[in-house]
Amino acid sequence: MILSVVIVSYNTKELLSKCLQSLDASLKSAGLLSKSEIIVVDNASTDGSVEMIQKKFPKVVLIKNSANLGFGGANNQGIRQTKGDFVLLLNSDTVLYPTTIKSSLDEIAKTKADILGPALLNPDESVQQSVGYFPNLVRVFLWMLFLDNIPLVYNLIKPYHVKVSSFYKSDHWVDWVTAAYFLARSKVFAKNLFDPKVFMYAEEVELCYRIKKQGFKILYSPVSTLLHLKGGSGSGQTAGIKEELYGIEYIYRKHSNILAFLVVKLLLTLGALLRIFIFGIMLKSEKRKKSYLEYLKLVG
């Protein structure tokens, strides 16, 4: 078994069907249909996802949860059942090209990376922001003030979220890549799984923090590409705002001292207040304003 693919789904029936069709074509193009396995973990969907898989994709290994365990917890279930030399975590709202699987496997072998994240494309094939560097206090401070991707600052500090489009045109060793397409050697998951306390968003940052501390190398490479439709279990542009901020807090609570935790909590609170003013009052974006207000309520 060369490749194990794990997909977590929650009420994404139509997207999941398209994803599995494209995955099947990409595996076939790579010559891996008989040397791969697909594991779908369904988080108690109510939209007929389970029945669709059973009818259209009978070879898929299906894990049916009676409750929503979150993205990390459900991925852990799938990862524990994998048998491949490589494990691919794949979002259900992605569409692969015929070349996606082969090019990413070739690149991870050539570069000797342990984890690879490809170029994620929007439906119009523009590049999505999908990688970054660990959110240390300096990066969080500059991120909260909207200063992290100013060219001079960007070159000095390497931001938490990389937004500079030119970055995505070439290979880079990074601190984290999104779990929408997360290709890893199986040895990475031998001692590392997602922290189930991070329900959704920022879970891959926390995982990558532990992975890098063990000496594993994480590569972003545009050699491999796929579409990421971003139409899954989230809620559009405001999906994950409060969860990501809370996730950063959790990372500091778990991995840093109390002083660093208090400082990052203060920075995130001030950043949320600034965004409430800018998005809610100046730009009249009630959805974004609501998301940051929800974060402030969440952390008290």
Protein backbone atom coordinates (compact mmCIF):
# COMPACT_ATOMS: atom_id res chain seq x y z
CA MET A 1 0.00 0.00 0.00
CA ILE A 2 1.60 3.24 -1.17
CA LEU A 3 -1.02 5.87 -0.36
CA SER A 4 -3.81 6.17 2.20
CA VAL A 5 -6.27 9.04 1.73
CA VAL A 6 -8.36 10.28 4.67
CA ILE A 7 -11.34 12.56 4.06
CA VAL A 8 -13.52 14.01 6.82
CA SER A 9 -17.02 15.03 5.78
CA TYR A 10 -19.91 16.77 7.49
CA ASN A 11 -22.98 17.48 5.36
CA THR A 12 -20.96 17.90 2.16
CA LYS A 13 -22.71 15.27 0.01
CA GLU A 14 -22.41 16.94 -3.40
CA LEU A 15 -18.92 18.31 -2.81
CA LEU A 16 -17.75 14.97 -1.46
CA SER A 17 -19.06 13.17 -4.54
CA LYS A 18 -17.10 15.51 -6.83
CA CYS A 19 -14.02 15.15 -4.64
CA LEU A 20 -14.12 11.35 -4.72
CA GLN A 21 -14.63 11.29 -8.49
CA SER A 22 -11.62 13.55 -9.02
CA LEU A 23 -9.56 11.57 -6.51
CA ASP A 24 -10.34 8.33 -8.32
CA ALA A 25 -9.23 9.87 -11.63
CA SER A 26 -6.02 11.26 -10.09
CA LEU A 27 -5.15 7.91 -8.48
CA LYS A 28 -5.80 6.15 -11.79
CA SER A 29 -3.57 8.62 -13.65
CA ALA A 30 -0.81 7.97 -11.10
CA GLY A 31 -1.20 4.20 -11.49
CA LEU A 32 -2.18 3.82 -7.84
CA LEU A 33 -5.75 2.50 -7.93
CA SER A 34 -4.61 -0.91 -6.69
CA LYS A 35 -1.98 0.52 -4.33
CA SER A 36 -4.11 3.01 -2.43
CA GLU A 37 -7.01 3.16 -0.01
CA ILE A 38 -9.62 5.84 0.63
CA ILE A 39 -11.06 6.29 4.11
CA VAL A 40 -14.00 8.65 4.62
CA VAL A 41 -14.92 9.63 8.16
CA ASP A 42 -18.47 10.98 8.29
CA ASN A 43 -19.22 13.24 11.24
CA ALA A 44 -22.91 12.35 11.64
CA SER A 45 -24.08 13.98 8.40
CA THR A 46 -27.81 14.33 7.84
CA ASP A 47 -27.73 15.12 4.11
CA GLY A 48 -27.45 11.59 2.72
CA SER A 49 -23.65 11.57 2.48
CA VAL A 50 -23.36 8.06 3.91
CA GLU A 51 -25.91 6.61 1.53
CA MET A 52 -24.24 8.36 -1.42
CA ILE A 53 -20.86 6.84 -0.56
CA GLN A 54 -22.31 3.37 -0.11
CA LYS A 55 -24.08 3.57 -3.47
CA LYS A 56 -21.52 5.34 -5.68
CA PHE A 57 -18.19 4.48 -4.02
CA PRO A 58 -18.51 1.01 -2.46
CA LYS A 59 -14.74 0.50 -2.26
CA VAL A 60 -14.33 3.44 0.10
CA VAL A 61 -13.70 2.50 3.74
CA LEU A 62 -16.46 4.34 5.58
CA ILE A 63 -16.38 5.30 9.24
CA LYS A 64 -19.78 6.52 10.45
CA ASN A 65 -19.77 8.66 13.57
CA SER A 66 -22.92 9.12 15.65
CA ALA A 67 -21.77 12.62 16.64
CA ASN A 68 -19.61 15.37 15.12
CA LEU A 69 -16.12 14.82 16.52
CA GLY A 70 -14.66 17.84 14.76
CA PHE A 71 -12.05 17.94 12.03
CA GLY A 72 -9.06 16.80 14.10
CA GLY A 73 -10.82 14.08 16.04
CA ALA A 74 -12.34 12.56 12.91
CA ASN A 75 -9.03 12.70 11.03
CA ASN A 76 -7.42 10.85 13.93
CA GLN A 77 -9.93 8.02 13.47
CA GLY A 78 -9.02 7.72 9.82
CA ILE A 79 -5.27 8.06 10.34
CA ARG A 80 -5.28 5.18 12.84
CA GLN A 81 -6.63 2.86 10.14
CA THR A 82 -4.17 3.83 7.38
CA LYS A 83 -1.72 1.29 5.96
CA GLY A 84 0.07 3.33 3.27
CA ASP A 85 3.65 4.55 3.13
CA PHE A 86 2.16 8.02 2.66
CA VAL A 87 -0.97 9.49 4.23
CA LEU A 88 -2.96 12.21 2.50
CA LEU A 89 -5.45 14.28 4.50
CA LEU A 90 -7.90 15.76 2.01
CA ASN A 91 -10.83 18.14 2.41
CA SER A 92 -14.17 17.09 0.95
CA ASP A 93 -14.48 20.47 -0.80
CA THR A 94 -11.47 19.90 -3.05
CA VAL A 95 -11.27 18.84 -6.68
CA LEU A 96 -8.06 17.18 -7.84
CA TYR A 97 -6.54 17.36 -11.28
CA PRO A 98 -5.43 14.11 -12.96
CA THR A 99 -1.80 15.09 -12.21
CA THR A 100 -2.28 16.15 -8.56
CA ILE A 101 -1.46 12.87 -6.80
CA LYS A 102 1.51 11.90 -8.96
CA SER A 103 3.11 15.34 -8.92
CA SER A 104 2.85 15.70 -5.14
CA LEU A 105 4.23 12.21 -4.49
CA ASP A 106 7.08 12.83 -6.95
CA GLU A 107 7.88 16.17 -5.29
CA ILE A 108 7.89 14.84 -1.71
CA ALA A 109 10.21 12.03 -2.83
CA LYS A 110 12.53 14.35 -4.75
CA THR A 111 12.85 16.97 -2.01
CA LYS A 112 12.91 14.45 0.87
CA ALA A 113 10.25 16.53 2.63
CA ASP A 114 8.21 14.84 5.35
CA ILE A 115 5.05 16.88 4.75
CA LEU A 116 3.97 18.59 1.55
CA GLY A 117 1.30 21.18 0.88
CA PRO A 118 0.50 22.01 -2.77
CA ALA A 119 -0.89 25.15 -4.38
CA LEU A 120 -4.58 25.44 -3.55
CA LEU A 121 -6.55 27.24 -6.23
CA ASN A 122 -9.84 29.10 -6.11
CA PRO A 123 -12.56 28.18 -8.66
CA ASP A 124 -11.12 30.87 -10.97
CA GLU A 125 -7.68 29.20 -10.50
CA SER A 126 -6.19 32.11 -8.55
CA VAL A 127 -3.96 30.97 -5.68
CA GLN A 128 -5.33 30.73 -2.13
CA GLN A 129 -3.38 31.62 0.97
CA SER A 130 -2.61 28.27 2.54
CA VAL A 131 0.72 28.32 4.41
CA GLY A 132 2.66 30.30 6.97
CA TYR A 133 5.01 30.44 9.91
CA PHE A 134 4.37 29.84 13.59
CA PRO A 135 2.45 32.63 15.36
CA ASN A 136 5.13 33.91 17.73
CA LEU A 137 4.36 37.11 19.63
CA VAL A 138 5.99 39.41 17.08
CA ARG A 139 4.03 37.83 14.22
CA VAL A 140 0.76 37.96 16.15
CA PHE A 141 1.38 41.63 17.03
CA LEU A 142 2.01 42.58 13.40
CA TRP A 143 -0.89 40.42 12.18
CA MET A 144 -3.32 42.11 14.56
CA LEU A 145 -2.18 45.54 13.28
CA PHE A 146 -2.46 44.52 9.58
CA LEU A 147 1.29 45.06 9.18
CA ASP A 148 2.52 41.50 8.62
CA ASN A 149 2.46 41.50 4.82
CA ILE A 150 3.91 44.94 4.15
CA PRO A 151 6.95 44.06 1.95
CA LEU A 152 9.66 45.29 4.36
CA VAL A 153 8.01 43.67 7.37
CA TYR A 154 7.25 40.49 5.46
CA ASN A 155 10.91 40.01 4.47
CA LEU A 156 12.04 40.51 8.06
CA ILE A 157 9.63 38.38 10.05
CA LYS A 158 7.96 35.82 7.76
CA PRO A 159 4.27 36.20 8.66
CA TYR A 160 1.86 33.80 10.30
CA HIS A 161 -0.35 33.93 7.20
CA VAL A 162 1.54 34.42 3.94
CA LYS A 163 -0.56 36.69 1.71
CA VAL A 164 2.08 37.76 -0.81
CA SER A 165 1.07 36.17 -4.12
CA SER A 166 4.63 35.91 -5.46
CA PHE A 167 5.52 33.59 -2.55
CA TYR A 168 3.24 30.90 -3.93
CA LYS A 169 5.10 30.64 -7.25
CA SER A 170 8.03 28.62 -5.90
CA ASP A 171 9.00 26.00 -3.30
CA HIS A 172 9.45 27.12 0.33
CA TRP A 173 10.23 25.37 3.59
CA VAL A 174 7.50 26.58 5.95
CA ASP A 175 6.21 26.02 9.49
CA TRP A 176 2.69 24.89 8.59
CA VAL A 177 0.49 24.05 5.63
CA THR A 178 -3.28 23.80 5.59
CA ALA A 179 -4.85 20.40 6.14
CA ALA A 180 -7.06 20.82 3.06
CA TYR A 181 -4.33 18.78 1.29
CA PHE A 182 -1.74 17.50 3.73
CA LEU A 183 0.55 14.82 2.31
CA ALA A 184 2.80 13.19 4.90
CA ARG A 185 5.06 10.20 5.26
CA SER A 186 3.38 7.64 7.50
CA LYS A 187 6.17 7.96 10.09
CA VAL A 188 4.99 11.51 10.82
CA PHE A 189 1.72 10.16 12.21
CA ALA A 190 3.35 7.33 14.15
CA LYS A 191 3.71 9.67 17.14
CA ASN A 192 1.61 12.65 16.08
CA LEU A 193 -2.14 13.05 15.79
CA PHE A 194 -4.39 16.11 15.95
CA ASP A 195 -5.19 17.47 19.38
CA PRO A 196 -8.93 16.69 19.66
CA LYS A 197 -9.40 19.73 21.91
CA VAL A 198 -8.99 21.90 18.78
CA PHE A 199 -12.40 21.23 17.21
CA MET A 200 -11.80 23.03 13.90
CA TYR A 201 -9.39 25.68 12.52
CA ALA A 202 -5.76 26.16 13.76
CA GLU A 203 -5.59 22.41 14.39
CA GLU A 204 -2.97 21.94 11.67
CA VAL A 205 -0.84 24.76 13.12
CA GLU A 206 -0.76 23.06 16.52
CA LEU A 207 0.00 19.69 14.89
CA CYS A 208 2.77 21.15 12.73
CA TYR A 209 4.31 22.83 15.79
CA ARG A 210 4.81 19.42 17.41
CA ILE A 211 5.90 17.83 14.14
CA LYS A 212 8.62 20.41 13.49
CA LYS A 213 9.93 20.14 17.05
CA GLN A 214 10.68 16.50 16.22
CA GLY A 215 12.78 17.52 13.22
CA PHE A 216 10.35 16.80 10.40
CA LYS A 217 10.46 19.11 7.36
CA ILE A 218 7.42 20.84 5.87
CA LEU A 219 7.42 21.97 2.25
CA TYR A 220 5.07 24.14 0.23
CA SER A 221 5.33 23.37 -3.50
CA PRO A 222 3.31 24.74 -6.44
CA VAL A 223 4.44 21.80 -8.56
CA SER A 224 1.21 20.11 -7.48
CA THR A 225 -2.14 21.92 -7.67
CA LEU A 226 -5.83 21.33 -6.96
CA LEU A 227 -9.02 23.31 -6.56
CA HIS A 228 -10.25 24.20 -3.08
CA LEU A 229 -13.86 25.30 -3.34
CA LYS A 230 -14.17 26.37 0.31
CA GLY A 231 -17.82 25.41 0.33
CA GLY A 232 -17.82 22.67 2.92
CA SER A 233 -18.93 22.74 6.52
CA GLY A 234 -17.92 26.38 7.12
CA SER A 235 -19.93 29.53 6.52
CA GLY A 236 -18.18 31.52 3.80
CA GLN A 237 -15.71 34.32 4.45
CA THR A 238 -16.43 34.46 8.18
CA ALA A 239 -15.92 30.73 8.75
CA GLY A 240 -13.39 29.99 11.46
CA ILE A 241 -12.59 33.55 12.57
CA LYS A 242 -13.36 33.08 16.24
CA GLU A 243 -12.18 29.45 16.17
CA GLU A 244 -8.78 30.39 14.75
CA LEU A 245 -8.20 33.14 17.29
CA TYR A 246 -9.21 30.82 20.10
CA GLY A 247 -6.98 28.13 18.57
CA ILE A 248 -3.96 30.46 18.79
CA GLU A 249 -4.78 31.04 22.45
CA TYR A 250 -4.96 27.31 23.00
CA ILE A 251 -1.57 26.74 21.36
CA TYR A 252 -0.01 29.25 23.76
CA ARG A 253 -1.84 27.79 26.75
CA LYS A 254 -0.53 24.34 25.85
CA HIS A 255 3.00 25.07 24.65
CA SER A 256 4.13 28.36 26.28
CA ASN A 257 4.49 29.93 29.71
CA ILE A 258 1.75 31.91 31.44
CA LEU A 259 3.28 35.30 30.58
CA ALA A 260 3.38 34.54 26.85
CA PHE A 261 -0.19 33.25 27.03
CA LEU A 262 -1.43 36.44 28.71
CA VAL A 263 0.41 38.61 26.17
CA VAL A 264 -1.02 36.74 23.17
CA LYS A 265 -4.51 36.87 24.68
CA LEU A 266 -4.16 40.64 25.06
CA LEU A 267 -2.90 41.03 21.47
CA LEU A 268 -5.74 38.94 20.07
CA THR A 269 -8.31 40.85 22.12
CA LEU A 270 -6.98 44.22 20.92
CA GLY A 271 -6.88 42.88 17.35
CA ALA A 272 -10.49 41.73 17.61
CA LEU A 273 -11.57 45.14 18.91
CA LEU A 274 -9.72 46.86 16.06
CA ARG A 275 -11.45 44.60 13.52
CA ILE A 276 -14.86 45.24 15.07
CA PHE A 277 -14.24 48.95 14.51
CA ILE A 278 -12.88 48.57 10.96
CA PHE A 279 -15.18 45.87 9.60
CA GLY A 280 -18.27 46.59 11.65
CA ILE A 281 -18.32 50.36 11.89
CA MET A 282 -16.26 51.63 8.95
CA LEU A 283 -16.99 48.91 6.35
CA LYS A 284 -20.44 47.89 7.64
CA SER A 285 -19.67 44.16 7.52
CA GLU A 286 -22.04 42.83 10.17
CA LYS A 287 -21.00 39.20 9.67
CA ARG A 288 -17.35 39.92 10.35
CA LYS A 289 -18.21 42.17 13.25
CA LYS A 290 -20.34 39.41 14.73
CA SER A 291 -17.51 36.87 14.38
CA TYR A 292 -15.08 39.02 16.37
CA LEU A 293 -17.73 39.79 18.98
CA GLU A 294 -18.31 36.05 19.33
CA TYR A 295 -14.59 35.55 19.91
CA LEU A 296 -14.56 38.16 22.68
CA LYS A 297 -17.56 36.45 24.31
CA LEU A 298 -15.88 33.05 23.94
CA VAL A 299 -12.78 34.13 25.86
CA GLY A 300 -14.64 36.24 28.40
